[in-house]
Amino acid sequence: MKKRKVIPGLAGVCCAAMLLTGCGGGSGQKAATLPSLSTSTSTTAAATSSAPATSATTSSSAATSSPSSNVPAAVLPADFKIVVDAPTPTDPTQQAIWSGWLSFYQAEYQAVGGSNADDPLYKQWTGEAGNGAPSAQETTRQFILQFQSSGLTVSGTMRLYQRAILGTSAQGTHLSWCEDQTFAYAKDVKTGVVQKTQPSRKDFDYYESYERQGADGRWITIWIHGVKGDNRCK
């Protein structure tokens, strides 16, 4: 992985999906083109302005696993939480998709908190993308390694919002969302010092991913890509 200067705060640590030059690069790959959704069908966004807003918070306590699987729940660092600021969809399939999406996030940050790029949990929530695109599993591993090699973990609150389902096809379900890192920070593992930063546009990232349903009914992330400081997220 390309070495880069670590800047205090999560804005200085590339997210798993950010293989853009503006984010300091990943393993030397260029950002992959989104896999084609040539047979996609329009899907109602999971979050709409007319729906009542709800907020689901996950903290260091174990999150609930899918009842149809034996995959354990993730445990986040004690001083870090992920807040989902979005309406709860009424459609059961959409509920399952977003549940799998959140489980991926939780598993990813369990690995960051444990400084373990080989944590088996995130591997159970990721898969291969195909079409020559980098898999979510590998980009997530590179993300965790950036924290691990820098002696960093996470602290604070990360807000996920403005989420939508963009379409569906045989390749999977195409999602988008925004991530607010204004109050999420990097923390030195050895000293416990939280590297707080001033709020900026770089705290707001735009993401797209593909989710695919496995044989056990769980929805896993197979491809993920993001843009840091994107104007689509405010």
C-alpha atoms as a PDB file:
ATOM      1  CA  MET A   1       0.000   0.000   0.000  1.00  0.00           C
ATOM      2  CA  LYS A   2       1.243   3.456  -0.849  1.00  0.00           C
ATOM      3  CA  LYS A   3       2.630   5.189   2.224  1.00  0.00           C
ATOM      4  CA  ARG A   4       1.144   8.538   3.156  1.00  0.00           C
ATOM      5  CA  LYS A   5       1.475  11.087   5.899  1.00  0.00           C
ATOM      6  CA  VAL A   6      -1.048  10.524   8.670  1.00  0.00           C
ATOM      7  CA  ILE A   7      -3.047  13.660   9.417  1.00  0.00           C
ATOM      8  CA  PRO A   8      -4.921  13.881  12.749  1.00  0.00           C
ATOM      9  CA  GLY A   9      -8.603  13.036  12.448  1.00  0.00           C
ATOM     10  CA  LEU A  10     -10.416  10.514  10.316  1.00  0.00           C
ATOM     11  CA  ALA A  11     -10.326  12.917   7.370  1.00  0.00           C
ATOM     12  CA  GLY A  12      -6.626  12.115   7.153  1.00  0.00           C
ATOM     13  CA  VAL A  13      -7.128   8.362   6.988  1.00  0.00           C
ATOM     14  CA  CYS A  14      -8.545   7.179   3.657  1.00  0.00           C
ATOM     15  CA  CYS A  15     -11.777   5.291   3.864  1.00  0.00           C
ATOM     16  CA  ALA A  16     -11.911   1.762   2.547  1.00  0.00           C
ATOM     17  CA  ALA A  17     -13.434   2.783  -0.759  1.00  0.00           C
ATOM     18  CA  MET A  18     -11.348   5.834  -1.548  1.00  0.00           C
ATOM     19  CA  LEU A  19      -8.859   4.883  -4.213  1.00  0.00           C
ATOM     20  CA  LEU A  20      -8.879   8.408  -5.626  1.00  0.00           C
ATOM     21  CA  THR A  21      -5.702  10.419  -5.994  1.00  0.00           C
ATOM     22  CA  GLY A  22      -7.230  13.174  -3.900  1.00  0.00           C
ATOM     23  CA  CYS A  23      -7.330  10.780  -0.964  1.00  0.00           C
ATOM     24  CA  GLY A  24      -3.693   9.796  -1.180  1.00  0.00           C
ATOM     25  CA  GLY A  25      -4.131   6.622  -3.185  1.00  0.00           C
ATOM     26  CA  GLY A  26      -4.617   3.032  -2.143  1.00  0.00           C
ATOM     27  CA  SER A  27      -2.528   0.204  -3.530  1.00  0.00           C
ATOM     28  CA  GLY A  28      -1.648   2.108  -6.683  1.00  0.00           C
ATOM     29  CA  GLN A  29      -4.925   1.221  -8.395  1.00  0.00           C
ATOM     30  CA  LYS A  30      -7.025   3.807 -10.136  1.00  0.00           C
ATOM     31  CA  ALA A  31     -10.616   4.137  -9.002  1.00  0.00           C
ATOM     32  CA  ALA A  32     -12.711   1.487 -10.697  1.00  0.00           C
ATOM     33  CA  THR A  33     -15.675   2.422 -12.818  1.00  0.00           C
ATOM     34  CA  LEU A  34     -18.997   1.576 -11.214  1.00  0.00           C
ATOM     35  CA  PRO A  35     -20.162  -1.821 -12.459  1.00  0.00           C
ATOM     36  CA  SER A  36     -22.910  -1.421 -15.057  1.00  0.00           C
ATOM     37  CA  LEU A  37     -26.540  -1.562 -13.995  1.00  0.00           C
ATOM     38  CA  SER A  38     -27.776  -2.159 -17.539  1.00  0.00           C
ATOM     39  CA  THR A  39     -30.758  -4.167 -16.318  1.00  0.00           C
ATOM     40  CA  SER A  40     -31.481  -2.036 -13.286  1.00  0.00           C
ATOM     41  CA  THR A  41     -34.950  -1.107 -12.158  1.00  0.00           C
ATOM     42  CA  SER A  42     -35.773   2.081 -10.321  1.00  0.00           C
ATOM     43  CA  THR A  43     -36.196   1.583  -6.592  1.00  0.00           C
ATOM     44  CA  THR A  44     -37.711   3.908  -4.025  1.00  0.00           C
ATOM     45  CA  ALA A  45     -35.028   5.548  -1.932  1.00  0.00           C
ATOM     46  CA  ALA A  46     -34.810   4.167   1.563  1.00  0.00           C
ATOM     47  CA  ALA A  47     -34.663   7.714   2.892  1.00  0.00           C
ATOM     48  CA  THR A  48     -37.005  10.430   1.610  1.00  0.00           C
ATOM     49  CA  SER A  49     -37.599  13.978   2.738  1.00  0.00           C
ATOM     50  CA  SER A  50     -41.287  13.268   3.377  1.00  0.00           C
ATOM     51  CA  ALA A  51     -40.667  10.354   5.712  1.00  0.00           C
ATOM     52  CA  PRO A  52     -40.305  10.957   9.451  1.00  0.00           C
ATOM     53  CA  ALA A  53     -36.669  10.975  10.442  1.00  0.00           C
ATOM     54  CA  THR A  54     -35.469   8.338  12.840  1.00  0.00           C
ATOM     55  CA  SER A  55     -32.054   7.722  14.302  1.00  0.00           C
ATOM     56  CA  ALA A  56     -30.515   4.359  15.121  1.00  0.00           C
ATOM     57  CA  THR A  57     -27.364   4.386  17.197  1.00  0.00           C
ATOM     58  CA  THR A  58     -24.877   1.551  17.572  1.00  0.00           C
ATOM     59  CA  SER A  59     -22.236   1.805  20.254  1.00  0.00           C
ATOM     60  CA  SER A  60     -19.741  -0.473  21.962  1.00  0.00           C
ATOM     61  CA  SER A  61     -22.484  -2.891  22.989  1.00  0.00           C
ATOM     62  CA  ALA A  62     -22.922  -5.777  20.582  1.00  0.00           C
ATOM     63  CA  ALA A  63     -25.331  -5.084  17.746  1.00  0.00           C
ATOM     64  CA  THR A  64     -28.088  -7.553  16.932  1.00  0.00           C
ATOM     65  CA  SER A  65     -27.124 -10.175  14.366  1.00  0.00           C
ATOM     66  CA  SER A  66     -29.415 -11.402  11.638  1.00  0.00           C
ATOM     67  CA  PRO A  67     -31.732 -14.049  13.152  1.00  0.00           C
ATOM     68  CA  SER A  68     -31.172 -16.236  10.070  1.00  0.00           C
ATOM     69  CA  SER A  69     -27.419 -16.475  10.521  1.00  0.00           C
ATOM     70  CA  ASN A  70     -24.827 -17.562  13.044  1.00  0.00           C
ATOM     71  CA  VAL A  71     -22.612 -14.555  12.336  1.00  0.00           C
ATOM     72  CA  PRO A  72     -21.729 -12.843  15.634  1.00  0.00           C
ATOM     73  CA  ALA A  73     -22.554  -9.214  16.320  1.00  0.00           C
ATOM     74  CA  ALA A  74     -19.777  -6.638  16.070  1.00  0.00           C
ATOM     75  CA  VAL A  75     -18.376  -4.892  19.142  1.00  0.00           C
ATOM     76  CA  LEU A  76     -17.218  -1.319  18.549  1.00  0.00           C
ATOM     77  CA  PRO A  77     -14.599   0.566  20.583  1.00  0.00           C
ATOM     78  CA  ALA A  78     -16.081   1.779  23.876  1.00  0.00           C
ATOM     79  CA  ASP A  79     -15.740   5.469  22.951  1.00  0.00           C
ATOM     80  CA  PHE A  80     -16.933   5.193  19.346  1.00  0.00           C
ATOM     81  CA  LYS A  81     -20.436   4.953  17.932  1.00  0.00           C
ATOM     82  CA  ILE A  82     -22.104   4.886  14.534  1.00  0.00           C
ATOM     83  CA  VAL A  83     -25.371   6.817  14.201  1.00  0.00           C
ATOM     84  CA  VAL A  84     -27.749   6.131  11.321  1.00  0.00           C
ATOM     85  CA  ASP A  85     -29.730   9.312  10.680  1.00  0.00           C
ATOM     86  CA  ALA A  86     -32.376   8.062   8.249  1.00  0.00           C
ATOM     87  CA  PRO A  87     -36.002   6.907   8.134  1.00  0.00           C
ATOM     88  CA  THR A  88     -36.617   3.221   8.742  1.00  0.00           C
ATOM     89  CA  PRO A  89     -37.896   1.616   5.513  1.00  0.00           C
ATOM     90  CA  THR A  90     -41.195  -0.243   5.710  1.00  0.00           C
ATOM     91  CA  ASP A  91     -40.324  -2.744   2.973  1.00  0.00           C
ATOM     92  CA  PRO A  92     -38.842  -5.954   4.501  1.00  0.00           C
ATOM     93  CA  THR A  93     -36.313  -6.401   1.692  1.00  0.00           C
ATOM     94  CA  GLN A  94     -35.042  -2.844   2.087  1.00  0.00           C
ATOM     95  CA  GLN A  95     -34.825  -3.389   5.836  1.00  0.00           C
ATOM     96  CA  ALA A  96     -32.678  -6.481   5.257  1.00  0.00           C
ATOM     97  CA  ILE A  97     -30.423  -4.677   2.764  1.00  0.00           C
ATOM     98  CA  TRP A  98     -29.757  -1.755   5.097  1.00  0.00           C
ATOM     99  CA  SER A  99     -29.294  -4.123   8.035  1.00  0.00           C
ATOM    100  CA  GLY A 100     -26.541  -5.935   6.123  1.00  0.00           C
ATOM    101  CA  TRP A 101     -25.003  -2.607   5.105  1.00  0.00           C
ATOM    102  CA  LEU A 102     -24.850  -1.478   8.734  1.00  0.00           C
ATOM    103  CA  SER A 103     -23.432  -4.828   9.838  1.00  0.00           C
ATOM    104  CA  PHE A 104     -20.611  -4.317   7.332  1.00  0.00           C
ATOM    105  CA  TYR A 105     -19.847  -0.893   8.845  1.00  0.00           C
ATOM    106  CA  GLN A 106     -19.871  -2.289  12.364  1.00  0.00           C
ATOM    107  CA  ALA A 107     -17.616  -5.207  11.435  1.00  0.00           C
ATOM    108  CA  GLU A 108     -15.196  -2.864   9.682  1.00  0.00           C
ATOM    109  CA  TYR A 109     -14.816  -0.665  12.760  1.00  0.00           C
ATOM    110  CA  GLN A 110     -14.592  -3.647  15.093  1.00  0.00           C
ATOM    111  CA  ALA A 111     -11.464  -4.574  13.127  1.00  0.00           C
ATOM    112  CA  VAL A 112     -10.163  -0.994  13.296  1.00  0.00           C
ATOM    113  CA  GLY A 113     -10.750  -0.931  17.056  1.00  0.00           C
ATOM    114  CA  GLY A 114      -8.943  -4.234  17.484  1.00  0.00           C
ATOM    115  CA  SER A 115      -6.087  -3.259  15.126  1.00  0.00           C
ATOM    116  CA  ASN A 116      -6.754  -6.493  13.274  1.00  0.00           C
ATOM    117  CA  ALA A 117      -6.769  -6.411   9.470  1.00  0.00           C
ATOM    118  CA  ASP A 118      -7.456 -10.153   9.523  1.00  0.00           C
ATOM    119  CA  ASP A 119     -10.539  -9.924  11.739  1.00  0.00           C
ATOM    120  CA  PRO A 120     -12.857 -12.641  10.383  1.00  0.00           C
ATOM    121  CA  LEU A 121     -16.077 -10.703  10.977  1.00  0.00           C
ATOM    122  CA  TYR A 122     -15.715  -8.092   8.218  1.00  0.00           C
ATOM    123  CA  LYS A 123     -14.806 -10.909   5.827  1.00  0.00           C
ATOM    124  CA  GLN A 124     -18.204 -12.444   6.532  1.00  0.00           C
ATOM    125  CA  TRP A 125     -19.899  -9.205   5.484  1.00  0.00           C
ATOM    126  CA  THR A 126     -17.940  -8.678   2.249  1.00  0.00           C
ATOM    127  CA  GLY A 127     -17.544 -10.539  -1.026  1.00  0.00           C
ATOM    128  CA  GLU A 128     -16.162 -10.432  -4.566  1.00  0.00           C
ATOM    129  CA  ALA A 129     -17.418  -7.764  -6.964  1.00  0.00           C
ATOM    130  CA  GLY A 130     -16.499  -9.352 -10.303  1.00  0.00           C
ATOM    131  CA  ASN A 131     -16.108  -7.399 -13.558  1.00  0.00           C
ATOM    132  CA  GLY A 132     -12.499  -6.662 -12.621  1.00  0.00           C
ATOM    133  CA  ALA A 133     -13.581  -4.280  -9.855  1.00  0.00           C
ATOM    134  CA  PRO A 134     -11.736  -4.340  -6.504  1.00  0.00           C
ATOM    135  CA  SER A 135     -13.655  -6.336  -3.915  1.00  0.00           C
ATOM    136  CA  ALA A 136     -15.049  -4.686  -0.808  1.00  0.00           C
ATOM    137  CA  GLN A 137     -13.113  -7.221   1.255  1.00  0.00           C
ATOM    138  CA  GLU A 138      -9.732  -6.116  -0.084  1.00  0.00           C
ATOM    139  CA  THR A 139     -10.432  -2.374   0.049  1.00  0.00           C
ATOM    140  CA  THR A 140     -11.669  -2.811   3.621  1.00  0.00           C
ATOM    141  CA  ARG A 141      -8.528  -4.720   4.564  1.00  0.00           C
ATOM    142  CA  GLN A 142      -6.354  -1.908   3.158  1.00  0.00           C
ATOM    143  CA  PHE A 143      -8.390   0.612   5.148  1.00  0.00           C
ATOM    144  CA  ILE A 144      -7.878  -1.298   8.402  1.00  0.00           C
ATOM    145  CA  LEU A 145      -4.164  -1.697   7.664  1.00  0.00           C
ATOM    146  CA  GLN A 146      -3.791   2.091   7.381  1.00  0.00           C
ATOM    147  CA  PHE A 147      -5.020   2.458  10.949  1.00  0.00           C
ATOM    148  CA  GLN A 148      -3.096  -0.581  12.180  1.00  0.00           C
ATOM    149  CA  SER A 149       0.258   0.419  10.663  1.00  0.00           C
ATOM    150  CA  SER A 150      -0.141   3.959  12.009  1.00  0.00           C
ATOM    151  CA  GLY A 151      -0.966   2.814  15.543  1.00  0.00           C
ATOM    152  CA  LEU A 152      -4.400   4.425  15.382  1.00  0.00           C
ATOM    153  CA  THR A 153      -7.963   3.505  16.267  1.00  0.00           C
ATOM    154  CA  VAL A 154     -11.190   5.552  16.258  1.00  0.00           C
ATOM    155  CA  SER A 155     -13.096   7.682  18.753  1.00  0.00           C
ATOM    156  CA  GLY A 156     -16.211   9.842  18.699  1.00  0.00           C
ATOM    157  CA  THR A 157     -19.370   9.653  16.611  1.00  0.00           C
ATOM    158  CA  MET A 158     -19.781   8.865  12.914  1.00  0.00           C
ATOM    159  CA  ARG A 159     -23.086   9.830  11.301  1.00  0.00           C
ATOM    160  CA  LEU A 160     -24.468   7.991   8.260  1.00  0.00           C
ATOM    161  CA  TYR A 161     -27.266   9.791   6.433  1.00  0.00           C
ATOM    162  CA  GLN A 162     -28.931  10.628   3.089  1.00  0.00           C
ATOM    163  CA  ARG A 163     -29.014   6.977   2.134  1.00  0.00           C
ATOM    164  CA  ALA A 164     -30.839   5.693  -0.941  1.00  0.00           C
ATOM    165  CA  ILE A 165     -31.293   2.607  -3.087  1.00  0.00           C
ATOM    166  CA  LEU A 166     -30.327   3.629  -6.621  1.00  0.00           C
ATOM    167  CA  GLY A 167     -31.320   0.468  -8.472  1.00  0.00           C
ATOM    168  CA  THR A 168     -31.223  -3.298  -8.662  1.00  0.00           C
ATOM    169  CA  SER A 169     -29.931  -5.827 -11.184  1.00  0.00           C
ATOM    170  CA  ALA A 170     -28.555  -9.343 -11.372  1.00  0.00           C
ATOM    171  CA  GLN A 171     -25.274  -7.884 -10.091  1.00  0.00           C
ATOM    172  CA  GLY A 172     -26.816  -6.695  -6.860  1.00  0.00           C
ATOM    173  CA  THR A 173     -28.473  -3.712  -5.216  1.00  0.00           C
ATOM    174  CA  HIS A 174     -26.861  -0.322  -5.765  1.00  0.00           C
ATOM    175  CA  LEU A 175     -26.756   1.953  -2.698  1.00  0.00           C
ATOM    176  CA  SER A 176     -25.620   5.490  -1.967  1.00  0.00           C
ATOM    177  CA  TRP A 177     -25.197   7.399   1.289  1.00  0.00           C
ATOM    178  CA  CYS A 178     -23.239  10.131   3.037  1.00  0.00           C
ATOM    179  CA  GLU A 179     -20.830   9.854   5.938  1.00  0.00           C
ATOM    180  CA  ASP A 180     -20.272  12.719   8.400  1.00  0.00           C
ATOM    181  CA  GLN A 181     -16.934  12.508  10.228  1.00  0.00           C
ATOM    182  CA  THR A 182     -17.191  15.933  11.922  1.00  0.00           C
ATOM    183  CA  PHE A 183     -17.100  14.348  15.380  1.00  0.00           C
ATOM    184  CA  ALA A 184     -15.228  11.147  14.500  1.00  0.00           C
ATOM    185  CA  TYR A 185     -11.501  11.182  15.214  1.00  0.00           C
ATOM    186  CA  ALA A 186      -8.388   9.068  15.046  1.00  0.00           C
ATOM    187  CA  LYS A 187      -6.946   8.021  18.414  1.00  0.00           C
ATOM    188  CA  ASP A 188      -3.430   6.876  19.270  1.00  0.00           C
ATOM    189  CA  VAL A 189      -3.629   3.271  20.478  1.00  0.00           C
ATOM    190  CA  LYS A 190      -0.627   3.504  22.839  1.00  0.00           C
ATOM    191  CA  THR A 191      -1.198   6.935  24.390  1.00  0.00           C
ATOM    192  CA  GLY A 192      -4.976   7.125  24.138  1.00  0.00           C
ATOM    193  CA  VAL A 193      -4.684  10.675  22.788  1.00  0.00           C
ATOM    194  CA  VAL A 194      -7.619  11.632  20.546  1.00  0.00           C
ATOM    195  CA  GLN A 195      -6.471  13.627  17.521  1.00  0.00           C
ATOM    196  CA  LYS A 196      -9.288  16.159  17.286  1.00  0.00           C
ATOM    197  CA  THR A 197      -9.556  18.421  14.255  1.00  0.00           C
ATOM    198  CA  GLN A 198     -11.513  21.488  13.198  1.00  0.00           C
ATOM    199  CA  PRO A 199     -14.675  20.770  11.159  1.00  0.00           C
ATOM    200  CA  SER A 200     -14.225  21.098   7.399  1.00  0.00           C
ATOM    201  CA  ARG A 201     -15.719  20.075   4.037  1.00  0.00           C
ATOM    202  CA  LYS A 202     -13.414  17.055   4.066  1.00  0.00           C
ATOM    203  CA  ASP A 203     -15.521  15.606   6.881  1.00  0.00           C
ATOM    204  CA  PHE A 204     -18.386  14.846   4.473  1.00  0.00           C
ATOM    205  CA  ASP A 205     -17.940  11.841   2.187  1.00  0.00           C
ATOM    206  CA  TYR A 206     -20.190  10.400  -0.513  1.00  0.00           C
ATOM    207  CA  TYR A 207     -20.383   6.628  -1.020  1.00  0.00           C
ATOM    208  CA  GLU A 208     -21.819   4.095  -3.422  1.00  0.00           C
ATOM    209  CA  SER A 209     -21.800   0.336  -2.961  1.00  0.00           C
ATOM    210  CA  TYR A 210     -23.231  -2.883  -4.289  1.00  0.00           C
ATOM    211  CA  GLU A 211     -24.925  -5.345  -1.943  1.00  0.00           C
ATOM    212  CA  ARG A 212     -25.659  -8.955  -2.818  1.00  0.00           C
ATOM    213  CA  GLN A 213     -27.775 -11.518  -0.985  1.00  0.00           C
ATOM    214  CA  GLY A 214     -26.030 -14.727   0.027  1.00  0.00           C
ATOM    215  CA  ALA A 215     -27.385 -18.256   0.370  1.00  0.00           C
ATOM    216  CA  ASP A 216     -28.072 -17.677   4.077  1.00  0.00           C
ATOM    217  CA  GLY A 217     -30.230 -14.640   3.326  1.00  0.00           C
ATOM    218  CA  ARG A 218     -27.741 -12.024   4.544  1.00  0.00           C
ATOM    219  CA  TRP A 219     -26.937  -9.018   2.350  1.00  0.00           C
ATOM    220  CA  ILE A 220     -23.172  -8.463   2.060  1.00  0.00           C
ATOM    221  CA  THR A 221     -21.119  -5.647   0.529  1.00  0.00           C
ATOM    222  CA  ILE A 222     -19.271  -6.681  -2.632  1.00  0.00           C
ATOM    223  CA  TRP A 223     -18.062  -3.302  -3.931  1.00  0.00           C
ATOM    224  CA  ILE A 224     -17.668   0.124  -2.356  1.00  0.00           C
ATOM    225  CA  HIS A 225     -16.384   3.463  -3.588  1.00  0.00           C
ATOM    226  CA  GLY A 226     -16.310   6.934  -2.063  1.00  0.00           C
ATOM    227  CA  VAL A 227     -15.427  10.572  -2.691  1.00  0.00           C
ATOM    228  CA  LYS A 228     -14.059  12.667   0.172  1.00  0.00           C
ATOM    229  CA  GLY A 229     -15.435  16.158   0.769  1.00  0.00           C
ATOM    230  CA  ASP A 230     -18.131  15.665  -1.859  1.00  0.00           C
ATOM    231  CA  ASN A 231     -20.694  18.424  -2.470  1.00  0.00           C
ATOM    232  CA  ARG A 232     -23.492  15.851  -2.621  1.00  0.00           C
ATOM    233  CA  CYS A 233     -23.118  15.532   1.153  1.00  0.00           C
ATOM    234  CA  LYS A 234     -23.724  18.553   3.359  1.00  0.00           C
END
